């Protein structure tokens, strides 16, 4: 579509695309007098059941914000732990997601990840490539600004090479150069952990996305919490700037 909008969904239909900013792991651990690492491990365990419930509810695409471009500035030990947990998810959870016919795709700049982690990402995508029940998009080393700049650079290179005229660049062209090209924009974004911001996530795609904020920390977010968020979504009227 030329505009960053989705067609109006029928009453009671599940959102085609749900995005989740998984926040609150560290505070979940603090509340229980546990080290921050325990919160991140609990958060990693929450991914598979939430993805499975989303598929059961008929969601077509689930995008999880796993690691942002800004997360590299966290303490080195924490970053190392997050890399280890990403390896665990890609090693232990992908087979189960494959059995559930869920397709796994990773968006973001992979160049900064280790070679073995990049291989695990590619292997997960290859294994699940033909699955059609739901697509699980994992945003890793992703930032909305990075995505838009990357798309603008790609279009500029096309103009420089003579394959595209500058006057032909429109919303559809830019949309097609972004990480989620060909994927409907999110109908609903859920942020756990109590903060009310989108933190440089899917900036272009969120133009008409409904936002749902919950104080529940990500490790406590489960299938029932997902249903609660969808229940709130069903009560909203989406007009996309129209009457």
Protein backbone atom coordinates (compact mmCIF):
# COMPACT_ATOMS: atom_id res chain seq x y z
CA UNK A 1 0.00 0.00 0.00
CA UNK A 2 1.23 3.52 -0.76
CA UNK A 3 0.27 4.82 2.68
CA UNK A 4 1.50 3.38 5.97
CA UNK A 5 -1.99 2.21 6.97
CA UNK A 6 -3.90 -1.05 7.16
CA UNK A 7 -7.40 -1.71 5.85
CA UNK A 8 -10.09 -1.51 8.53
CA UNK A 9 -10.46 -4.90 10.16
CA UNK A 10 -13.86 -6.51 10.54
CA UNK A 11 -15.43 -6.33 14.00
CA UNK A 12 -13.98 -9.05 16.20
CA UNK A 13 -11.23 -9.94 13.74
CA UNK A 14 -7.78 -10.34 15.32
CA UNK A 15 -5.22 -7.69 14.45
CA UNK A 16 -3.19 -8.90 11.48
CA UNK A 17 0.06 -7.61 12.97
CA UNK A 18 0.93 -7.18 16.65
CA UNK A 19 4.22 -5.63 17.80
CA UNK A 20 5.51 -5.95 21.35
CA UNK A 21 8.14 -3.89 23.16
CA UNK A 22 9.27 -6.41 25.77
CA UNK A 23 10.23 -4.24 28.74
CA UNK A 24 10.63 -4.72 32.48
CA UNK A 25 12.89 -7.75 32.84
CA UNK A 26 15.32 -6.01 35.20
CA UNK A 27 12.59 -4.48 37.36
CA UNK A 28 10.83 -7.85 37.52
CA UNK A 29 14.02 -9.30 39.00
CA UNK A 30 14.54 -6.39 41.40
CA UNK A 31 11.02 -6.79 42.74
CA UNK A 32 11.91 -10.39 43.62
CA UNK A 33 15.36 -9.50 45.02
CA UNK A 34 16.99 -11.42 42.16
CA UNK A 35 19.91 -10.44 39.90
CA UNK A 36 19.03 -8.74 36.64
CA UNK A 37 20.17 -11.83 34.75
CA UNK A 38 17.27 -13.77 36.27
CA UNK A 39 14.84 -11.24 34.80
CA UNK A 40 16.33 -11.55 31.33
CA UNK A 41 16.18 -15.35 31.52
CA UNK A 42 12.54 -15.20 32.61
CA UNK A 43 11.84 -12.79 29.77
CA UNK A 44 13.38 -15.16 27.24
CA UNK A 45 11.14 -17.96 28.50
CA UNK A 46 8.06 -15.80 27.89
CA UNK A 47 8.65 -15.53 24.15
CA UNK A 48 7.50 -18.96 23.00
CA UNK A 49 4.16 -19.17 24.89
CA UNK A 50 3.17 -15.65 23.81
CA UNK A 51 4.05 -16.46 20.19
CA UNK A 52 2.08 -19.70 20.38
CA UNK A 53 -0.98 -17.94 21.80
CA UNK A 54 -0.78 -15.23 19.14
CA UNK A 55 -0.82 -17.92 16.46
CA UNK A 56 -3.80 -19.62 18.11
CA UNK A 57 -5.68 -16.30 18.13
CA UNK A 58 -5.17 -15.81 14.40
CA UNK A 59 -2.52 -13.09 14.43
CA UNK A 60 -0.65 -13.17 11.11
CA UNK A 61 2.54 -11.36 12.17
CA UNK A 62 4.05 -10.92 15.64
CA UNK A 63 7.06 -8.59 15.89
CA UNK A 64 9.12 -8.62 19.09
CA UNK A 65 11.61 -5.88 19.96
CA UNK A 66 14.41 -8.06 21.31
CA UNK A 67 17.51 -5.85 21.11
CA UNK A 68 17.74 -2.22 20.02
CA UNK A 69 20.60 -0.32 18.43
CA UNK A 70 20.89 1.55 21.76
CA UNK A 71 21.14 -1.61 23.87
CA UNK A 72 24.85 -1.94 23.01
CA UNK A 73 25.46 0.90 25.51
CA UNK A 74 24.33 -1.28 28.41
CA UNK A 75 26.97 -2.85 30.69
CA UNK A 76 29.13 -5.41 28.88
CA UNK A 77 28.04 -8.29 31.12
CA UNK A 78 24.40 -7.56 30.43
CA UNK A 79 24.99 -7.40 26.67
CA UNK A 80 26.85 -10.74 26.81
CA UNK A 81 23.94 -12.28 28.70
CA UNK A 82 21.44 -10.98 26.14
CA UNK A 83 23.52 -12.47 23.33
CA UNK A 84 23.59 -15.81 25.16
CA UNK A 85 19.82 -15.73 25.63
CA UNK A 86 19.32 -14.94 21.95
CA UNK A 87 21.40 -18.01 21.14
CA UNK A 88 19.29 -20.10 23.49
CA UNK A 89 16.02 -18.96 21.95
CA UNK A 90 17.33 -19.59 18.43
CA UNK A 91 18.65 -23.01 19.47
CA UNK A 92 15.94 -24.35 21.77
CA UNK A 93 12.73 -22.60 20.79
CA UNK A 94 12.89 -22.57 17.00
CA UNK A 95 12.20 -26.30 16.62
CA UNK A 96 9.00 -25.95 18.65
CA UNK A 97 7.94 -22.88 16.68
CA UNK A 98 8.63 -24.84 13.50
CA UNK A 99 6.36 -27.64 14.70
CA UNK A 100 3.71 -24.98 15.31
CA UNK A 101 4.19 -23.88 11.67
CA UNK A 102 5.49 -20.45 12.69
CA UNK A 103 7.90 -18.70 10.35
CA UNK A 104 10.84 -16.92 12.02
CA UNK A 105 12.42 -13.82 10.50
CA UNK A 106 15.02 -11.47 11.98
CA UNK A 107 15.10 -7.76 11.15
CA UNK A 108 17.89 -5.35 12.00
CA UNK A 109 21.58 -4.92 11.29
CA UNK A 110 23.18 -8.33 11.82
CA UNK A 111 26.71 -7.24 11.00
CA UNK A 112 27.57 -6.46 14.61
CA UNK A 113 26.62 -9.91 15.88
CA UNK A 114 29.13 -12.76 16.13
CA UNK A 115 29.43 -15.14 13.20
CA UNK A 116 27.86 -18.03 15.12
CA UNK A 117 24.85 -15.92 16.11
CA UNK A 118 24.39 -14.74 12.54
CA UNK A 119 24.45 -18.38 11.43
CA UNK A 120 21.80 -19.32 14.00
CA UNK A 121 19.60 -16.52 12.67
CA UNK A 122 20.04 -17.70 9.09
CA UNK A 123 19.42 -21.32 10.08
CA UNK A 124 16.20 -20.41 11.93
CA UNK A 125 14.94 -18.50 8.90
CA UNK A 126 15.83 -21.33 6.53
CA UNK A 127 14.22 -24.02 8.68
CA UNK A 128 10.92 -22.14 9.03
CA UNK A 129 10.81 -20.43 5.63
CA UNK A 130 7.82 -22.39 4.31
CA UNK A 131 5.64 -22.07 7.43
CA UNK A 132 2.46 -20.07 6.92
CA UNK A 133 0.50 -20.17 10.17
CA UNK A 134 2.15 -17.02 11.55
CA UNK A 135 5.33 -15.00 11.05
CA UNK A 136 7.41 -14.19 14.13
CA UNK A 137 9.61 -11.19 13.42
CA UNK A 138 12.47 -10.69 15.88
CA UNK A 139 13.93 -7.18 15.85
CA UNK A 140 17.59 -7.51 16.83
CA UNK A 141 20.05 -4.61 16.64
CA UNK A 142 17.12 -2.71 15.23
CA UNK A 143 16.18 0.95 15.47
CA UNK A 144 13.44 2.85 13.67
CA UNK A 145 15.80 5.66 12.70
CA UNK A 146 18.37 3.15 11.43
CA UNK A 147 15.65 1.52 9.34
CA UNK A 148 14.57 4.78 7.70
CA UNK A 149 18.16 5.92 7.06
CA UNK A 150 19.02 2.51 5.60
CA UNK A 151 15.99 2.69 3.29
CA UNK A 152 16.87 6.24 2.20
CA UNK A 153 20.43 5.16 1.44
CA UNK A 154 19.20 2.21 -0.64
CA UNK A 155 16.92 4.47 -2.68
CA UNK A 156 19.72 7.02 -3.14
CA UNK A 157 21.95 4.26 -4.50
CA UNK A 158 19.23 3.28 -6.95
CA UNK A 159 19.00 6.90 -8.16
CA UNK A 160 22.79 7.16 -8.40
CA UNK A 161 22.89 3.98 -10.49
CA UNK A 162 20.22 5.34 -12.84
CA UNK A 163 17.65 2.66 -11.97
CA UNK A 164 15.28 5.09 -10.25
CA UNK A 165 14.30 8.71 -10.74
CA UNK A 166 14.25 10.94 -7.68
CA UNK A 167 10.77 12.21 -8.57
CA UNK A 168 9.48 8.62 -8.45
CA UNK A 169 10.34 8.21 -4.78
CA UNK A 170 7.09 8.17 -2.83
CA UNK A 171 5.74 6.54 0.32
CA UNK A 172 5.40 3.18 -1.43
CA UNK A 173 9.03 3.28 -2.58
CA UNK A 174 10.33 4.09 0.89
CA UNK A 175 8.03 1.53 2.48
CA UNK A 176 9.37 -1.10 0.08
CA UNK A 177 12.96 -0.40 1.17
CA UNK A 178 12.28 -0.81 4.90
CA UNK A 179 12.84 -3.94 6.98
CA UNK A 180 9.14 -4.82 6.99
CA UNK A 181 8.66 -4.45 3.23
CA UNK A 182 5.69 -6.54 2.15
CA UNK A 183 4.40 -6.94 5.71
CA UNK A 184 1.24 -5.10 6.86
CA UNK A 185 2.05 -2.36 9.40
CA UNK A 186 1.25 -3.21 13.01
CA UNK A 187 -2.38 -2.79 13.99
CA UNK A 188 -1.45 -2.93 17.67
CA UNK A 189 1.73 -2.25 19.64
CA UNK A 190 1.95 -3.53 23.20
CA UNK A 191 4.55 -2.18 25.61
CA UNK A 192 5.06 -3.95 28.90
CA UNK A 193 6.80 -2.55 31.98
CA UNK A 194 4.82 0.65 32.55
CA UNK A 195 6.68 3.14 30.35
CA UNK A 196 4.67 5.07 27.77
CA UNK A 197 6.97 5.50 24.79
CA UNK A 198 7.92 3.59 21.63
CA UNK A 199 11.71 3.84 22.07
CA UNK A 200 12.81 4.11 18.43
CA UNK A 201 10.80 1.06 17.35
CA UNK A 202 9.11 0.84 13.90
CA UNK A 203 8.81 4.62 13.62
CA UNK A 204 7.55 4.63 10.03
CA UNK A 205 5.19 1.71 10.49
CA UNK A 206 3.53 3.07 13.66
CA UNK A 207 1.78 5.94 11.84
CA UNK A 208 -1.69 4.54 12.65
CA UNK A 209 -0.87 1.77 15.08
CA UNK A 210 -2.99 1.49 18.22
CA UNK A 211 -0.82 1.66 21.36
CA UNK A 212 -1.46 -0.42 24.48
CA UNK A 213 0.64 0.14 27.60
CA UNK A 214 0.60 -2.21 30.58
CA UNK A 215 2.38 -2.06 33.94
CA UNK A 216 2.88 -5.82 33.76
CA UNK A 217 6.57 -6.70 33.37
CA UNK A 218 7.47 -8.77 30.32
CA UNK A 219 8.28 -12.01 32.25
CA UNK A 220 4.71 -11.88 33.63
CA UNK A 221 3.15 -11.30 30.22
CA UNK A 222 1.43 -14.44 28.94
CA UNK A 223 -1.36 -15.62 26.69
CA UNK A 224 -4.05 -14.24 28.98
CA UNK A 225 -2.36 -10.83 29.02
CA UNK A 226 -2.19 -10.91 25.23
CA UNK A 227 -5.92 -11.60 25.10
CA UNK A 228 -6.51 -8.65 27.45
CA UNK A 229 -4.60 -6.35 25.10
CA UNK A 230 -6.55 -7.65 22.12
CA UNK A 231 -9.78 -7.09 24.03
CA UNK A 232 -8.83 -3.43 24.44
CA UNK A 233 -7.97 -3.26 20.74
CA UNK A 234 -11.42 -4.52 19.77
CA UNK A 235 -13.02 -1.64 21.71
CA UNK A 236 -11.19 1.03 19.72
CA UNK A 237 -12.45 2.74 16.58
CA UNK A 238 -9.77 3.14 13.94
CA UNK A 239 -10.38 5.95 11.45
CA UNK A 240 -6.94 6.42 9.82
CA UNK A 241 -7.48 10.19 9.73
CA UNK A 242 -10.97 9.90 8.28
CA UNK A 243 -14.39 10.60 9.81
